[in-house]
Amino acid sequence: MRIAVISDSHDNLKKLEQFLKTVNEEGVDLVIHCGDFVSPFSVKFLLSNLKCDFIGVFGNNDGEIAGLLKVSGGLIEKPPVAKVIDGQRFALMHEPYLLESVARSGNFDYVLYGHTHEIDTRVIGSCQIVNPGELCGYLTGKSSFAILDTAQNSVEIRVF
């Protein structure tokens, strides 16, 4: 399964549009957003143009919780969230509190997070940690996302 991981889109519709073009053309199976959508209009834009499944978690800048829940149909959850996806165990969070403890617990194959706006791909024990960096590009000047391939056990960071 090919999973695109994004975080910290911060209402940047231009970058969301570029991201959507890529993942829709490549036939990604699932998009996971690790928080900081910010406003419901950006979630509505994302979901109305996405051609695959979606799940997400709230970030610290997602203040309009009721609106985000409404436009997402409940697909955005309060972190941390544990999911089994393609037989793999995922922990989804925004802020990296307890990140290393969760990775070392042995309960997860992947820990995905955001918040820092910095790319982070590393392995702790047998757990792959991924922060895709920031989609918005506001802090680093670079927009990025990750492509996970659960069949190949690979992580690719895309910067644009």
C-alpha atoms as a PDB file:
ATOM      1  CA  MET A   1       0.000   0.000   0.000  1.00  0.00           C
ATOM      2  CA  ARG A   2       1.255   3.465  -0.901  1.00  0.00           C
ATOM      3  CA  ILE A   3       0.498   6.108   1.708  1.00  0.00           C
ATOM      4  CA  ALA A   4       1.159   9.831   1.346  1.00  0.00           C
ATOM      5  CA  VAL A   5       1.878  11.541   4.662  1.00  0.00           C
ATOM      6  CA  ILE A   6       1.498  15.296   5.074  1.00  0.00           C
ATOM      7  CA  SER A   7       1.457  17.722   7.948  1.00  0.00           C
ATOM      8  CA  ASP A   8       1.253  21.420   8.648  1.00  0.00           C
ATOM      9  CA  SER A   9      -0.558  22.531   5.503  1.00  0.00           C
ATOM     10  CA  HIS A  10      -1.716  25.715   7.300  1.00  0.00           C
ATOM     11  CA  ASP A  11      -4.385  26.673   4.731  1.00  0.00           C
ATOM     12  CA  ASN A  12      -1.892  26.876   1.842  1.00  0.00           C
ATOM     13  CA  LEU A  13      -4.258  25.938  -0.988  1.00  0.00           C
ATOM     14  CA  LYS A  14      -1.612  26.372  -3.688  1.00  0.00           C
ATOM     15  CA  LYS A  15       0.635  23.767  -2.053  1.00  0.00           C
ATOM     16  CA  LEU A  16      -2.344  21.491  -1.359  1.00  0.00           C
ATOM     17  CA  GLU A  17      -3.259  21.705  -5.036  1.00  0.00           C
ATOM     18  CA  GLN A  18       0.275  20.730  -6.092  1.00  0.00           C
ATOM     19  CA  PHE A  19       0.274  17.852  -3.606  1.00  0.00           C
ATOM     20  CA  LEU A  20      -3.140  16.633  -4.797  1.00  0.00           C
ATOM     21  CA  LYS A  21      -2.047  16.676  -8.433  1.00  0.00           C
ATOM     22  CA  THR A  22       0.912  14.441  -7.610  1.00  0.00           C
ATOM     23  CA  VAL A  23      -0.859  11.901  -5.390  1.00  0.00           C
ATOM     24  CA  ASN A  24      -3.896  11.678  -7.656  1.00  0.00           C
ATOM     25  CA  GLU A  25      -1.720  11.108 -10.736  1.00  0.00           C
ATOM     26  CA  GLU A  26       0.386   8.496  -8.948  1.00  0.00           C
ATOM     27  CA  GLY A  27      -2.600   6.597  -7.565  1.00  0.00           C
ATOM     28  CA  VAL A  28      -1.691   6.754  -3.887  1.00  0.00           C
ATOM     29  CA  ASP A  29      -3.980   4.530  -1.775  1.00  0.00           C
ATOM     30  CA  LEU A  30      -4.295   6.680   1.344  1.00  0.00           C
ATOM     31  CA  VAL A  31      -3.409  10.163   2.588  1.00  0.00           C
ATOM     32  CA  ILE A  32      -2.627  10.701   6.263  1.00  0.00           C
ATOM     33  CA  HIS A  33      -2.510  14.278   7.565  1.00  0.00           C
ATOM     34  CA  CYS A  34      -0.644  14.745  10.857  1.00  0.00           C
ATOM     35  CA  GLY A  35      -2.358  17.987  11.843  1.00  0.00           C
ATOM     36  CA  ASP A  36      -2.449  21.753  11.452  1.00  0.00           C
ATOM     37  CA  PHE A  37      -4.936  22.010   8.627  1.00  0.00           C
ATOM     38  CA  VAL A  38      -6.088  25.248  10.345  1.00  0.00           C
ATOM     39  CA  SER A  39      -9.437  26.110   8.677  1.00  0.00           C
ATOM     40  CA  PRO A  40     -12.359  24.008   7.474  1.00  0.00           C
ATOM     41  CA  PHE A  41     -12.168  25.482   3.959  1.00  0.00           C
ATOM     42  CA  SER A  42      -8.762  23.881   3.385  1.00  0.00           C
ATOM     43  CA  VAL A  43     -10.022  20.461   4.544  1.00  0.00           C
ATOM     44  CA  LYS A  44     -13.033  20.816   2.260  1.00  0.00           C
ATOM     45  CA  PHE A  45     -10.685  21.651  -0.640  1.00  0.00           C
ATOM     46  CA  LEU A  46      -8.430  18.696   0.163  1.00  0.00           C
ATOM     47  CA  LEU A  47     -11.194  16.127   0.495  1.00  0.00           C
ATOM     48  CA  SER A  48     -13.224  17.320  -2.490  1.00  0.00           C
ATOM     49  CA  ASN A  49     -10.187  16.925  -4.761  1.00  0.00           C
ATOM     50  CA  LEU A  50      -8.616  13.778  -3.307  1.00  0.00           C
ATOM     51  CA  LYS A  51      -9.074  10.498  -5.202  1.00  0.00           C
ATOM     52  CA  CYS A  52      -8.183   8.101  -2.383  1.00  0.00           C
ATOM     53  CA  ASP A  53      -8.956   7.397   1.256  1.00  0.00           C
ATOM     54  CA  PHE A  54      -8.038   9.879   3.978  1.00  0.00           C
ATOM     55  CA  ILE A  55      -7.445  10.002   7.722  1.00  0.00           C
ATOM     56  CA  GLY A  56      -6.051  12.772   9.872  1.00  0.00           C
ATOM     57  CA  VAL A  57      -5.375  14.048  13.358  1.00  0.00           C
ATOM     58  CA  PHE A  58      -5.825  17.499  14.812  1.00  0.00           C
ATOM     59  CA  GLY A  59      -2.872  19.806  15.398  1.00  0.00           C
ATOM     60  CA  ASN A  60      -2.321  22.611  17.875  1.00  0.00           C
ATOM     61  CA  ASN A  61      -3.409  25.260  15.324  1.00  0.00           C
ATOM     62  CA  ASP A  62      -6.661  23.495  14.468  1.00  0.00           C
ATOM     63  CA  GLY A  63      -8.891  25.677  16.622  1.00  0.00           C
ATOM     64  CA  GLU A  64     -12.144  25.281  14.730  1.00  0.00           C
ATOM     65  CA  ILE A  65     -12.661  21.659  15.789  1.00  0.00           C
ATOM     66  CA  ALA A  66     -16.420  21.513  15.165  1.00  0.00           C
ATOM     67  CA  GLY A  67     -16.051  22.913  11.644  1.00  0.00           C
ATOM     68  CA  LEU A  68     -13.170  20.581  10.826  1.00  0.00           C
ATOM     69  CA  LEU A  69     -15.123  17.572  12.094  1.00  0.00           C
ATOM     70  CA  LYS A  70     -18.153  18.585  10.059  1.00  0.00           C
ATOM     71  CA  VAL A  71     -16.372  19.069   6.726  1.00  0.00           C
ATOM     72  CA  SER A  72     -14.262  15.933   7.218  1.00  0.00           C
ATOM     73  CA  GLY A  73     -17.194  13.715   8.135  1.00  0.00           C
ATOM     74  CA  GLY A  74     -15.334  12.701  11.282  1.00  0.00           C
ATOM     75  CA  LEU A  75     -12.176  11.618   9.434  1.00  0.00           C
ATOM     76  CA  ILE A  76     -10.021  13.864  11.618  1.00  0.00           C
ATOM     77  CA  GLU A  77      -9.448  12.601  15.161  1.00  0.00           C
ATOM     78  CA  LYS A  78      -7.889  13.862  18.371  1.00  0.00           C
ATOM     79  CA  PRO A  79      -4.338  12.519  18.663  1.00  0.00           C
ATOM     80  CA  PRO A  80      -2.750  10.245  19.516  1.00  0.00           C
ATOM     81  CA  VAL A  81      -4.524   7.720  17.323  1.00  0.00           C
ATOM     82  CA  ALA A  82      -3.655   4.052  16.819  1.00  0.00           C
ATOM     83  CA  LYS A  83      -4.655   2.445  13.507  1.00  0.00           C
ATOM     84  CA  VAL A  84      -3.983  -0.820  11.738  1.00  0.00           C
ATOM     85  CA  ILE A  85      -3.442  -0.074   8.053  1.00  0.00           C
ATOM     86  CA  ASP A  86      -2.536  -2.797   5.560  1.00  0.00           C
ATOM     87  CA  GLY A  87      -1.671  -5.086   8.466  1.00  0.00           C
ATOM     88  CA  GLN A  88       0.786  -2.551   9.895  1.00  0.00           C
ATOM     89  CA  ARG A  89       0.387  -0.795  13.257  1.00  0.00           C
ATOM     90  CA  PHE A  90       0.454   3.009  13.053  1.00  0.00           C
ATOM     91  CA  ALA A  91       0.564   5.670  15.765  1.00  0.00           C
ATOM     92  CA  LEU A  92      -0.561   9.072  14.473  1.00  0.00           C
ATOM     93  CA  MET A  93       0.144  12.263  16.385  1.00  0.00           C
ATOM     94  CA  HIS A  94       0.812  15.917  15.803  1.00  0.00           C
ATOM     95  CA  GLU A  95       3.181  16.978  18.547  1.00  0.00           C
ATOM     96  CA  PRO A  96       6.093  14.639  19.251  1.00  0.00           C
ATOM     97  CA  TYR A  97       5.436  14.228  22.974  1.00  0.00           C
ATOM     98  CA  LEU A  98       6.410  10.707  23.997  1.00  0.00           C
ATOM     99  CA  LEU A  99       7.455   9.981  20.401  1.00  0.00           C
ATOM    100  CA  GLU A 100      10.473   7.883  21.304  1.00  0.00           C
ATOM    101  CA  SER A 101       8.641   6.030  24.088  1.00  0.00           C
ATOM    102  CA  VAL A 102       5.839   5.135  21.697  1.00  0.00           C
ATOM    103  CA  ALA A 103       8.373   3.954  19.097  1.00  0.00           C
ATOM    104  CA  ARG A 104      10.266   1.874  21.663  1.00  0.00           C
ATOM    105  CA  SER A 105       7.078   0.301  23.054  1.00  0.00           C
ATOM    106  CA  GLY A 106       7.063  -2.420  20.410  1.00  0.00           C
ATOM    107  CA  ASN A 107       3.383  -1.741  19.785  1.00  0.00           C
ATOM    108  CA  PHE A 108       3.824   0.097  16.472  1.00  0.00           C
ATOM    109  CA  ASP A 109       5.481  -0.404  13.111  1.00  0.00           C
ATOM    110  CA  TYR A 110       5.191   3.302  12.227  1.00  0.00           C
ATOM    111  CA  VAL A 111       4.924   6.520  14.218  1.00  0.00           C
ATOM    112  CA  LEU A 112       3.842   9.502  12.126  1.00  0.00           C
ATOM    113  CA  TYR A 113       3.910  13.057  13.447  1.00  0.00           C
ATOM    114  CA  GLY A 114       4.145  16.723  12.459  1.00  0.00           C
ATOM    115  CA  HIS A 115       4.322  20.039  14.356  1.00  0.00           C
ATOM    116  CA  THR A 116       8.071  20.725  14.062  1.00  0.00           C
ATOM    117  CA  HIS A 117       7.940  21.575  10.332  1.00  0.00           C
ATOM    118  CA  GLU A 118      11.156  19.557  10.002  1.00  0.00           C
ATOM    119  CA  ILE A 119      11.650  16.341   8.045  1.00  0.00           C
ATOM    120  CA  ASP A 120      12.469  13.369  10.258  1.00  0.00           C
ATOM    121  CA  THR A 121      12.860   9.793   9.043  1.00  0.00           C
ATOM    122  CA  ARG A 122      14.561   7.380  11.397  1.00  0.00           C
ATOM    123  CA  VAL A 123      14.161   3.949  12.879  1.00  0.00           C
ATOM    124  CA  ILE A 124      14.008   3.209  16.596  1.00  0.00           C
ATOM    125  CA  GLY A 125      14.122  -0.516  17.246  1.00  0.00           C
ATOM    126  CA  SER A 126      11.839  -1.903  14.559  1.00  0.00           C
ATOM    127  CA  CYS A 127       9.655   1.223  14.374  1.00  0.00           C
ATOM    128  CA  GLN A 128       9.856   3.647  11.450  1.00  0.00           C
ATOM    129  CA  ILE A 129       9.364   7.271  12.522  1.00  0.00           C
ATOM    130  CA  VAL A 130       8.246   9.798   9.908  1.00  0.00           C
ATOM    131  CA  ASN A 131       7.686  13.522  10.044  1.00  0.00           C
ATOM    132  CA  PRO A 132       7.066  14.651   6.451  1.00  0.00           C
ATOM    133  CA  GLY A 133       8.059  18.244   7.211  1.00  0.00           C
ATOM    134  CA  GLU A 134       5.750  21.093   6.307  1.00  0.00           C
ATOM    135  CA  LEU A 135       3.472  21.103   3.296  1.00  0.00           C
ATOM    136  CA  CYS A 136       2.884  24.849   3.601  1.00  0.00           C
ATOM    137  CA  GLY A 137       6.548  25.830   3.238  1.00  0.00           C
ATOM    138  CA  TYR A 138       6.098  28.867   5.479  1.00  0.00           C
ATOM    139  CA  LEU A 139       8.936  28.242   7.961  1.00  0.00           C
ATOM    140  CA  THR A 140      11.555  26.404   5.927  1.00  0.00           C
ATOM    141  CA  GLY A 141      10.774  27.712   2.453  1.00  0.00           C
ATOM    142  CA  LYS A 142      10.391  24.084   1.332  1.00  0.00           C
ATOM    143  CA  SER A 143       7.181  22.120   0.916  1.00  0.00           C
ATOM    144  CA  SER A 144       7.451  18.418   1.559  1.00  0.00           C
ATOM    145  CA  PHE A 145       5.542  15.204   2.064  1.00  0.00           C
ATOM    146  CA  ALA A 146       6.379  11.529   2.470  1.00  0.00           C
ATOM    147  CA  ILE A 147       5.416   8.444   0.497  1.00  0.00           C
ATOM    148  CA  LEU A 148       5.358   5.252   2.543  1.00  0.00           C
ATOM    149  CA  ASP A 149       5.222   1.919   0.773  1.00  0.00           C
ATOM    150  CA  THR A 150       4.185  -0.742   3.271  1.00  0.00           C
ATOM    151  CA  ALA A 151       4.925  -3.601   0.838  1.00  0.00           C
ATOM    152  CA  GLN A 152       8.475  -2.361   0.203  1.00  0.00           C
ATOM    153  CA  ASN A 153       8.943  -1.041   3.757  1.00  0.00           C
ATOM    154  CA  SER A 154      10.245   2.207   2.276  1.00  0.00           C
ATOM    155  CA  VAL A 155       9.939   5.926   2.962  1.00  0.00           C
ATOM    156  CA  GLU A 156      10.531   8.572   0.320  1.00  0.00           C
ATOM    157  CA  ILE A 157      10.525  12.290   1.096  1.00  0.00           C
ATOM    158  CA  ARG A 158       9.394  14.573  -1.706  1.00  0.00           C
ATOM    159  CA  VAL A 159      10.380  18.246  -1.606  1.00  0.00           C
ATOM    160  CA  PHE A 160       8.869  20.796  -3.971  1.00  0.00           C
END
